All heavy atoms as atom14 arrays in JSON, in Angstrom:
{
  "sequence": "LLRPGDANFGPKVEALVVYNSNPVAVAPESLKVAQ",
  "atom14_mask": [
    [1, 1, 1, 1, 1, 1, 1, 1, 0, 0, 0, 0, 0, 0],
    [1, 1, 1, 1, 1, 1, 1, 1, 0, 0, 0, 0, 0, 0],
    [1, 1, 1, 1, 1, 1, 1, 1, 1, 1, 1, 0, 0, 0],
    [1, 1, 1, 1, 1, 1, 1, 0, 0, 0, 0, 0, 0, 0],
    [1, 1, 1, 1, 0, 0, 0, 0, 0, 0, 0, 0, 0, 0],
    [1, 1, 1, 1, 1, 1, 1, 1, 0, 0, 0, 0, 0, 0],
    [1, 1, 1, 1, 1, 0, 0, 0, 0, 0, 0, 0, 0, 0],
    [1, 1, 1, 1, 1, 1, 1, 1, 0, 0, 0, 0, 0, 0],
    [1, 1, 1, 1, 1, 1, 1, 1, 1, 1, 1, 0, 0, 0],
    [1, 1, 1, 1, 0, 0, 0, 0, 0, 0, 0, 0, 0, 0],
    [1, 1, 1, 1, 1, 1, 1, 0, 0, 0, 0, 0, 0, 0],
    [1, 1, 1, 1, 1, 1, 1, 1, 1, 0, 0, 0, 0, 0],
    [1, 1, 1, 1, 1, 1, 1, 0, 0, 0, 0, 0, 0, 0],
    [1, 1, 1, 1, 1, 1, 1, 1, 1, 0, 0, 0, 0, 0],
    [1, 1, 1, 1, 1, 0, 0, 0, 0, 0, 0, 0, 0, 0],
    [1, 1, 1, 1, 1, 1, 1, 1, 0, 0, 0, 0, 0, 0],
    [1, 1, 1, 1, 1, 1, 1, 0, 0, 0, 0, 0, 0, 0],
    [1, 1, 1, 1, 1, 1, 1, 0, 0, 0, 0, 0, 0, 0],
    [1, 1, 1, 1, 1, 1, 1, 1, 1, 1, 1, 1, 0, 0],
    [1, 1, 1, 1, 1, 1, 1, 1, 0, 0, 0, 0, 0, 0],
    [1, 1, 1, 1, 1, 1, 0, 0, 0, 0, 0, 0, 0, 0],
    [1, 1, 1, 1, 1, 1, 1, 1, 0, 0, 0, 0, 0, 0],
    [1, 1, 1, 1, 1, 1, 1, 0, 0, 0, 0, 0, 0, 0],
    [1, 1, 1, 1, 1, 1, 1, 0, 0, 0, 0, 0, 0, 0],
    [1, 1, 1, 1, 1, 0, 0, 0, 0, 0, 0, 0, 0, 0],
    [1, 1, 1, 1, 1, 1, 1, 0, 0, 0, 0, 0, 0, 0],
    [1, 1, 1, 1, 1, 0, 0, 0, 0, 0, 0, 0, 0, 0],
    [1, 1, 1, 1, 1, 1, 1, 0, 0, 0, 0, 0, 0, 0],
    [1, 1, 1, 1, 1, 1, 1, 1, 1, 0, 0, 0, 0, 0],
    [1, 1, 1, 1, 1, 1, 0, 0, 0, 0, 0, 0, 0, 0],
    [1, 1, 1, 1, 1, 1, 1, 1, 0, 0, 0, 0, 0, 0],
    [1, 1, 1, 1, 1, 1, 1, 1, 1, 0, 0, 0, 0, 0],
    [1, 1, 1, 1, 1, 1, 1, 0, 0, 0, 0, 0, 0, 0],
    [1, 1, 1, 1, 1, 0, 0, 0, 0, 0, 0, 0, 0, 0],
    [1, 1, 1, 1, 1, 1, 1, 1, 1, 0, 0, 0, 0, 0]
  ],
  "atom14_positions": [
    [[-87.99, -39.71, 24.32], [-88.05, -41.04, 24.91], [-87.51, -41.07, 26.34], [-87.82, -42.0, 27.1], [-87.29, -42.05, 24.05], [-87.9, -42.36, 22.69], [-87.05, -43.37, 21.94], [-89.33, -42.88, 22.83], [0.0, 0.0, 0.0], [0.0, 0.0, 0.0], [0.0, 0.0, 0.0], [0.0, 0.0, 0.0], [0.0, 0.0, 0.0], [0.0, 0.0, 0.0]],
    [[-86.72, -40.08, 26.7], [-86.15, -40.04, 28.05], [-86.95, -39.12, 28.98], [-86.58, -38.95, 30.14], [-84.69, -39.57, 27.99], [-83.74, -40.51, 27.23], [-82.35, -39.89, 27.11], [-83.66, -41.87, 27.91], [0.0, 0.0, 0.0], [0.0, 0.0, 0.0], [0.0, 0.0, 0.0], [0.0, 0.0, 0.0], [0.0, 0.0, 0.0], [0.0, 0.0, 0.0]],
    [[-88.02, -38.57, 28.46], [-88.79, -37.59, 29.23], [-89.92, -38.27, 29.99], [-90.69, -39.05, 29.41], [-89.35, -36.53, 28.29], [-90.02, -35.38, 28.98], [-90.3, -34.25, 27.99], [-91.02, -33.16, 28.64], [-91.32, -32.01, 28.06], [-90.96, -31.81, 26.79], [-91.98, -31.07, 28.7], [0.0, 0.0, 0.0], [0.0, 0.0, 0.0], [0.0, 0.0, 0.0]],
    [[-90.08, -38.0, 31.28], [-91.23, -38.54, 32.01], [-92.5, -37.8, 31.61], [-92.44, -36.69, 31.06], [-90.87, -38.28, 33.47], [-89.98, -37.08, 33.42], [-89.2, -37.2, 32.15], [0.0, 0.0, 0.0], [0.0, 0.0, 0.0], [0.0, 0.0, 0.0], [0.0, 0.0, 0.0], [0.0, 0.0, 0.0], [0.0, 0.0, 0.0], [0.0, 0.0, 0.0]],
    [[-93.61, -38.4, 31.86], [-94.86, -37.71, 31.58], [-95.07, -36.53, 32.5], [-94.67, -36.56, 33.67], [0.0, 0.0, 0.0], [0.0, 0.0, 0.0], [0.0, 0.0, 0.0], [0.0, 0.0, 0.0], [0.0, 0.0, 0.0], [0.0, 0.0, 0.0], [0.0, 0.0, 0.0], [0.0, 0.0, 0.0], [0.0, 0.0, 0.0], [0.0, 0.0, 0.0]],
    [[-95.66, -35.47, 31.98], [-96.03, -34.32, 32.8], [-97.12, -33.55, 32.09], [-97.52, -33.87, 30.97], [-94.81, -33.43, 33.11], [-94.12, -32.88, 31.88], [-94.82, -32.38, 30.97], [-92.87, -32.93, 31.81], [0.0, 0.0, 0.0], [0.0, 0.0, 0.0], [0.0, 0.0, 0.0], [0.0, 0.0, 0.0], [0.0, 0.0, 0.0], [0.0, 0.0, 0.0]],
    [[-97.61, -32.51, 32.75], [-98.76, -31.77, 32.22], [-98.45, -31.11, 30.88], [-99.34, -30.99, 30.01], [-99.2, -30.72, 33.23], [0.0, 0.0, 0.0], [0.0, 0.0, 0.0], [0.0, 0.0, 0.0], [0.0, 0.0, 0.0], [0.0, 0.0, 0.0], [0.0, 0.0, 0.0], [0.0, 0.0, 0.0], [0.0, 0.0, 0.0], [0.0, 0.0, 0.0]],
    [[-97.22, -30.68, 30.68], [-96.88, -30.01, 29.43], [-96.6, -31.0, 28.3], [-97.05, -30.81, 27.17], [-95.65, -29.11, 29.63], [-95.94, -27.93, 30.52], [-97.04, -27.37, 30.46], [-94.99, -27.56, 31.36], [0.0, 0.0, 0.0], [0.0, 0.0, 0.0], [0.0, 0.0, 0.0], [0.0, 0.0, 0.0], [0.0, 0.0, 0.0], [0.0, 0.0, 0.0]],
    [[-95.86, -32.05, 28.6], [-95.47, -33.01, 27.59], [-96.57, -34.01, 27.29], [-96.72, -34.48, 26.17], [-94.21, -33.75, 28.06], [-93.7, -34.81, 27.12], [-93.27, -34.47, 25.84], [-93.63, -36.14, 27.51], [-92.78, -35.45, 24.98], [-93.15, -37.11, 26.65], [-92.72, -36.76, 25.39], [0.0, 0.0, 0.0], [0.0, 0.0, 0.0], [0.0, 0.0, 0.0]],
    [[-97.37, -34.32, 28.28], [-98.34, -35.39, 28.15], [-97.77, -36.68, 28.7], [-96.76, -36.68, 29.41], [0.0, 0.0, 0.0], [0.0, 0.0, 0.0], [0.0, 0.0, 0.0], [0.0, 0.0, 0.0], [0.0, 0.0, 0.0], [0.0, 0.0, 0.0], [0.0, 0.0, 0.0], [0.0, 0.0, 0.0], [0.0, 0.0, 0.0], [0.0, 0.0, 0.0]],
    [[-98.36, -37.82, 28.36], [-97.9, -39.09, 28.95], [-96.52, -39.49, 28.45], [-96.11, -39.14, 27.34], [-98.96, -40.09, 28.48], [-99.48, -39.52, 27.2], [-99.48, -38.04, 27.42], [0.0, 0.0, 0.0], [0.0, 0.0, 0.0], [0.0, 0.0, 0.0], [0.0, 0.0, 0.0], [0.0, 0.0, 0.0], [0.0, 0.0, 0.0], [0.0, 0.0, 0.0]],
    [[-95.81, -40.2, 29.29], [-94.55, -40.81, 28.88], [-94.8, -41.72, 27.69], [-95.83, -42.41, 27.61], [-94.0, -41.62, 30.06], [-92.67, -42.29, 29.84], [-92.26, -43.02, 31.12], [-90.9, -43.67, 31.0], [-90.51, -44.34, 32.26], [0.0, 0.0, 0.0], [0.0, 0.0, 0.0], [0.0, 0.0, 0.0], [0.0, 0.0, 0.0], [0.0, 0.0, 0.0]],
    [[-93.88, -41.74, 26.73], [-94.01, -42.64, 25.58], [-93.8, -44.07, 26.07], [-92.73, -44.43, 26.56], [-93.01, -42.29, 24.47], [-93.12, -43.29, 23.32], [-93.23, -40.87, 23.96], [0.0, 0.0, 0.0], [0.0, 0.0, 0.0], [0.0, 0.0, 0.0], [0.0, 0.0, 0.0], [0.0, 0.0, 0.0], [0.0, 0.0, 0.0], [0.0, 0.0, 0.0]],
    [[-94.84, -44.89, 25.93], [-94.78, -46.28, 26.4], [-94.63, -47.28, 25.26], [-94.19, -48.41, 25.49], [-96.05, -46.62, 27.18], [-96.25, -45.83, 28.46], [-97.49, -46.29, 29.2], [-97.66, -47.52, 29.39], [-98.32, -45.43, 29.56], [0.0, 0.0, 0.0], [0.0, 0.0, 0.0], [0.0, 0.0, 0.0], [0.0, 0.0, 0.0], [0.0, 0.0, 0.0]],
    [[-95.03, -46.89, 24.05], [-94.96, -47.81, 22.91], [-94.56, -47.04, 21.66], [-95.0, -45.91, 21.45], [-96.3, -48.51, 22.69], [0.0, 0.0, 0.0], [0.0, 0.0, 0.0], [0.0, 0.0, 0.0], [0.0, 0.0, 0.0], [0.0, 0.0, 0.0], [0.0, 0.0, 0.0], [0.0, 0.0, 0.0], [0.0, 0.0, 0.0], [0.0, 0.0, 0.0]],
    [[-93.74, -47.67, 20.85], [-93.2, -47.04, 19.65], [-93.3, -48.06, 18.52], [-92.89, -49.21, 18.68], [-91.74, -46.69, 19.91], [-91.01, -45.72, 19.0], [-91.67, -44.35, 18.99], [-89.56, -45.57, 19.48], [0.0, 0.0, 0.0], [0.0, 0.0, 0.0], [0.0, 0.0, 0.0], [0.0, 0.0, 0.0], [0.0, 0.0, 0.0], [0.0, 0.0, 0.0]],
    [[-93.88, -47.64, 17.4], [-93.96, -48.5, 16.22], [-93.15, -47.81, 15.12], [-93.5, -46.73, 14.67], [-95.41, -48.73, 15.77], [-95.43, -49.66, 14.55], [-96.24, -49.3, 16.91], [0.0, 0.0, 0.0], [0.0, 0.0, 0.0], [0.0, 0.0, 0.0], [0.0, 0.0, 0.0], [0.0, 0.0, 0.0], [0.0, 0.0, 0.0], [0.0, 0.0, 0.0]],
    [[-92.05, -48.46, 14.73], [-91.09, -47.86, 13.8], [-91.16, -48.57, 12.45], [-91.11, -49.8, 12.39], [-89.65, -47.96, 14.35], [-88.65, -47.33, 13.38], [-89.55, -47.31, 15.73], [0.0, 0.0, 0.0], [0.0, 0.0, 0.0], [0.0, 0.0, 0.0], [0.0, 0.0, 0.0], [0.0, 0.0, 0.0], [0.0, 0.0, 0.0], [0.0, 0.0, 0.0]],
    [[-91.27, -47.79, 11.38], [-91.26, -48.36, 10.04], [-90.7, -47.3, 9.09], [-90.8, -46.09, 9.34], [-92.66, -48.81, 9.6], [-93.75, -47.76, 9.76], [-94.27, -47.08, 8.66], [-94.26, -47.44, 11.02], [-95.25, -46.12, 8.81], [-95.24, -46.48, 11.18], [-95.74, -45.82, 10.07], [-96.72, -44.85, 10.22], [0.0, 0.0, 0.0], [0.0, 0.0, 0.0]],
    [[-90.06, -47.74, 8.03], [-89.46, -46.82, 7.04], [-88.45, -45.87, 7.67], [-88.26, -44.75, 7.19], [-90.54, -46.0, 6.33], [-91.52, -46.86, 5.55], [-91.2, -47.98, 5.2], [-92.71, -46.33, 5.31], [0.0, 0.0, 0.0], [0.0, 0.0, 0.0], [0.0, 0.0, 0.0], [0.0, 0.0, 0.0], [0.0, 0.0, 0.0], [0.0, 0.0, 0.0]],
    [[-87.79, -46.29, 8.72], [-86.8, -45.43, 9.37], [-85.9, -46.27, 10.27], [-86.28, -47.36, 10.71], [-87.47, -44.33, 10.19], [-86.52, -43.4, 10.65], [0.0, 0.0, 0.0], [0.0, 0.0, 0.0], [0.0, 0.0, 0.0], [0.0, 0.0, 0.0], [0.0, 0.0, 0.0], [0.0, 0.0, 0.0], [0.0, 0.0, 0.0], [0.0, 0.0, 0.0]],
    [[-84.73, -45.7, 10.56], [-83.75, -46.33, 11.44], [-83.27, -45.26, 12.42], [-82.13, -44.8, 12.35], [-82.59, -46.89, 10.6], [-81.53, -47.6, 11.43], [-81.72, -47.88, 12.61], [-80.39, -47.87, 10.81], [0.0, 0.0, 0.0], [0.0, 0.0, 0.0], [0.0, 0.0, 0.0], [0.0, 0.0, 0.0], [0.0, 0.0, 0.0], [0.0, 0.0, 0.0]],
    [[-84.14, -44.8, 13.32], [-83.83, -43.62, 14.12], [-82.6, -43.74, 15.01], [-81.94, -42.74, 15.28], [-85.1, -43.42, 14.96], [-85.83, -44.72, 14.91], [-85.5, -45.31, 13.59], [0.0, 0.0, 0.0], [0.0, 0.0, 0.0], [0.0, 0.0, 0.0], [0.0, 0.0, 0.0], [0.0, 0.0, 0.0], [0.0, 0.0, 0.0], [0.0, 0.0, 0.0]],
    [[-82.27, -44.93, 15.47], [-81.1, -45.05, 16.33], [-79.83, -44.66, 15.57], [-78.88, -44.16, 16.16], [-81.0, -46.48, 16.92], [-79.72, -46.65, 17.73], [-82.22, -46.77, 17.79], [0.0, 0.0, 0.0], [0.0, 0.0, 0.0], [0.0, 0.0, 0.0], [0.0, 0.0, 0.0], [0.0, 0.0, 0.0], [0.0, 0.0, 0.0], [0.0, 0.0, 0.0]],
    [[-79.84, -44.83, 14.26], [-78.7, -44.41, 13.45], [-78.84, -43.0, 12.91], [-77.86, -42.27, 12.82], [-78.5, -45.38, 12.29], [0.0, 0.0, 0.0], [0.0, 0.0, 0.0], [0.0, 0.0, 0.0], [0.0, 0.0, 0.0], [0.0, 0.0, 0.0], [0.0, 0.0, 0.0], [0.0, 0.0, 0.0], [0.0, 0.0, 0.0], [0.0, 0.0, 0.0]],
    [[-80.07, -42.6, 12.53], [-80.2, -41.36, 11.75], [-80.63, -40.14, 12.56], [-80.45, -39.01, 12.1], [-81.19, -41.54, 10.57], [-80.76, -42.7, 9.7], [-82.63, -41.7, 11.03], [0.0, 0.0, 0.0], [0.0, 0.0, 0.0], [0.0, 0.0, 0.0], [0.0, 0.0, 0.0], [0.0, 0.0, 0.0], [0.0, 0.0, 0.0], [0.0, 0.0, 0.0]],
    [[-81.2, -40.31, 13.74], [-81.67, -39.16, 14.51], [-80.5, -38.5, 15.23], [-79.51, -39.16, 15.59], [-82.74, -39.58, 15.51], [0.0, 0.0, 0.0], [0.0, 0.0, 0.0], [0.0, 0.0, 0.0], [0.0, 0.0, 0.0], [0.0, 0.0, 0.0], [0.0, 0.0, 0.0], [0.0, 0.0, 0.0], [0.0, 0.0, 0.0], [0.0, 0.0, 0.0]],
    [[-80.58, -37.19, 15.46], [-79.45, -36.49, 16.1], [-79.26, -36.87, 17.56], [-80.2, -37.33, 18.22], [-79.83, -35.01, 15.95], [-81.29, -34.99, 15.74], [-81.65, -36.27, 15.06], [0.0, 0.0, 0.0], [0.0, 0.0, 0.0], [0.0, 0.0, 0.0], [0.0, 0.0, 0.0], [0.0, 0.0, 0.0], [0.0, 0.0, 0.0], [0.0, 0.0, 0.0]],
    [[-78.05, -36.64, 18.03], [-77.63, -36.96, 19.4], [-77.98, -38.41, 19.71], [-78.74, -38.72, 20.62], [-78.24, -35.99, 20.4], [-77.48, -35.94, 21.71], [-77.89, -34.81, 22.63], [-78.71, -33.95, 22.24], [-77.36, -34.79, 23.76], [0.0, 0.0, 0.0], [0.0, 0.0, 0.0], [0.0, 0.0, 0.0], [0.0, 0.0, 0.0], [0.0, 0.0, 0.0]],
    [[-77.39, -39.3, 18.94], [-77.83, -40.69, 18.93], [-77.54, -41.44, 20.23], [-78.14, -42.49, 20.48], [-77.24, -41.44, 17.74], [-75.83, -41.4, 17.76], [0.0, 0.0, 0.0], [0.0, 0.0, 0.0], [0.0, 0.0, 0.0], [0.0, 0.0, 0.0], [0.0, 0.0, 0.0], [0.0, 0.0, 0.0], [0.0, 0.0, 0.0], [0.0, 0.0, 0.0]],
    [[-76.64, -40.94, 21.07], [-76.45, -41.59, 22.36], [-77.75, -41.55, 23.16], [-78.17, -42.55, 23.75], [-75.32, -40.91, 23.15], [-75.08, -41.46, 24.56], [-74.7, -42.93, 24.51], [-73.99, -40.64, 25.27], [0.0, 0.0, 0.0], [0.0, 0.0, 0.0], [0.0, 0.0, 0.0], [0.0, 0.0, 0.0], [0.0, 0.0, 0.0], [0.0, 0.0, 0.0]],
    [[-78.42, -40.39, 23.16], [-79.7, -40.29, 23.86], [-80.77, -41.13, 23.17], [-81.62, -41.74, 23.84], [-80.15, -38.83, 23.92], [-79.42, -37.98, 24.94], [-80.07, -36.61, 25.07], [-79.42, -35.79, 26.17], [-80.08, -34.45, 26.29], [0.0, 0.0, 0.0], [0.0, 0.0, 0.0], [0.0, 0.0, 0.0], [0.0, 0.0, 0.0], [0.0, 0.0, 0.0]],
    [[-80.74, -41.17, 21.84], [-81.72, -41.98, 21.12], [-81.56, -43.45, 21.51], [-82.55, -44.13, 21.82], [-81.56, -41.81, 19.6], [-82.61, -42.64, 18.85], [-81.69, -40.33, 19.2], [0.0, 0.0, 0.0], [0.0, 0.0, 0.0], [0.0, 0.0, 0.0], [0.0, 0.0, 0.0], [0.0, 0.0, 0.0], [0.0, 0.0, 0.0], [0.0, 0.0, 0.0]],
    [[-80.33, -43.93, 21.52], [-80.08, -45.32, 21.89], [-80.49, -45.59, 23.33], [-81.05, -46.65, 23.64], [-78.6, -45.66, 21.68], [0.0, 0.0, 0.0], [0.0, 0.0, 0.0], [0.0, 0.0, 0.0], [0.0, 0.0, 0.0], [0.0, 0.0, 0.0], [0.0, 0.0, 0.0], [0.0, 0.0, 0.0], [0.0, 0.0, 0.0], [0.0, 0.0, 0.0]],
    [[-80.22, -44.64, 24.22], [-80.63, -44.81, 25.62], [-82.14, -44.89, 25.74], [-82.67, -45.71, 26.5], [-80.09, -43.65, 26.45], [-78.58, -43.68, 26.67], [-78.06, -42.41, 27.32], [-78.74, -41.38, 27.36], [-76.83, -42.47, 27.81], [0.0, 0.0, 0.0], [0.0, 0.0, 0.0], [0.0, 0.0, 0.0], [0.0, 0.0, 0.0], [0.0, 0.0, 0.0]]
  ]
}
C-alpha cells in the first residue's frame, strides 16, 4: 500500500475492498499497514 506504481510492481493500489479480515490488526508490521 505504500509502494508507488512502477514497471515491476504495476499500478499503485488505488482501491481496496476488505471483507472477512481485519488487516490493520492482523497483518505483520502493522505500523506500515496502518500508514
